[in-house]
Amino acid sequence: RALYVDEGRTGIVAFDARSGNQLSHETLEPEVIEELGGRIDRLVDTGAGPVWVMGASGKIAVLDPGALSVVDVHDSGVSDTFAAVSSIVREDGNFACF
């Protein structure tokens, strides 16, 4: 499976990595997109856990990798989403690298 941000920058499109066929297209809830600053700027899918999307506001939405639904939203503490962020460590010990 390969994941991409959709053209409108409000959802995630999943493709079969071998065939190229589209598997799903999940649009995030309007409230989540608003919290993310109106758009998704970056997507991280390590294949080993949650999918992370960072928005224009610097907030990060954590998505369930199977359903691509939002589980939680965190403030990354970064106002510029393209700033150098090496990692975000959560209290439970999980982290995502960018």
Foldseek 3Di string as FASTA:
>chain_A
DDWDQDPQQFWIWDADPPPRHTDDIDGADPVVCVVLVNGWDDWDDPVPFWIWTHGQQQKIFTAGVPVRYTDDIGRQVDNGNPPQDQWGADPVGDIDGD
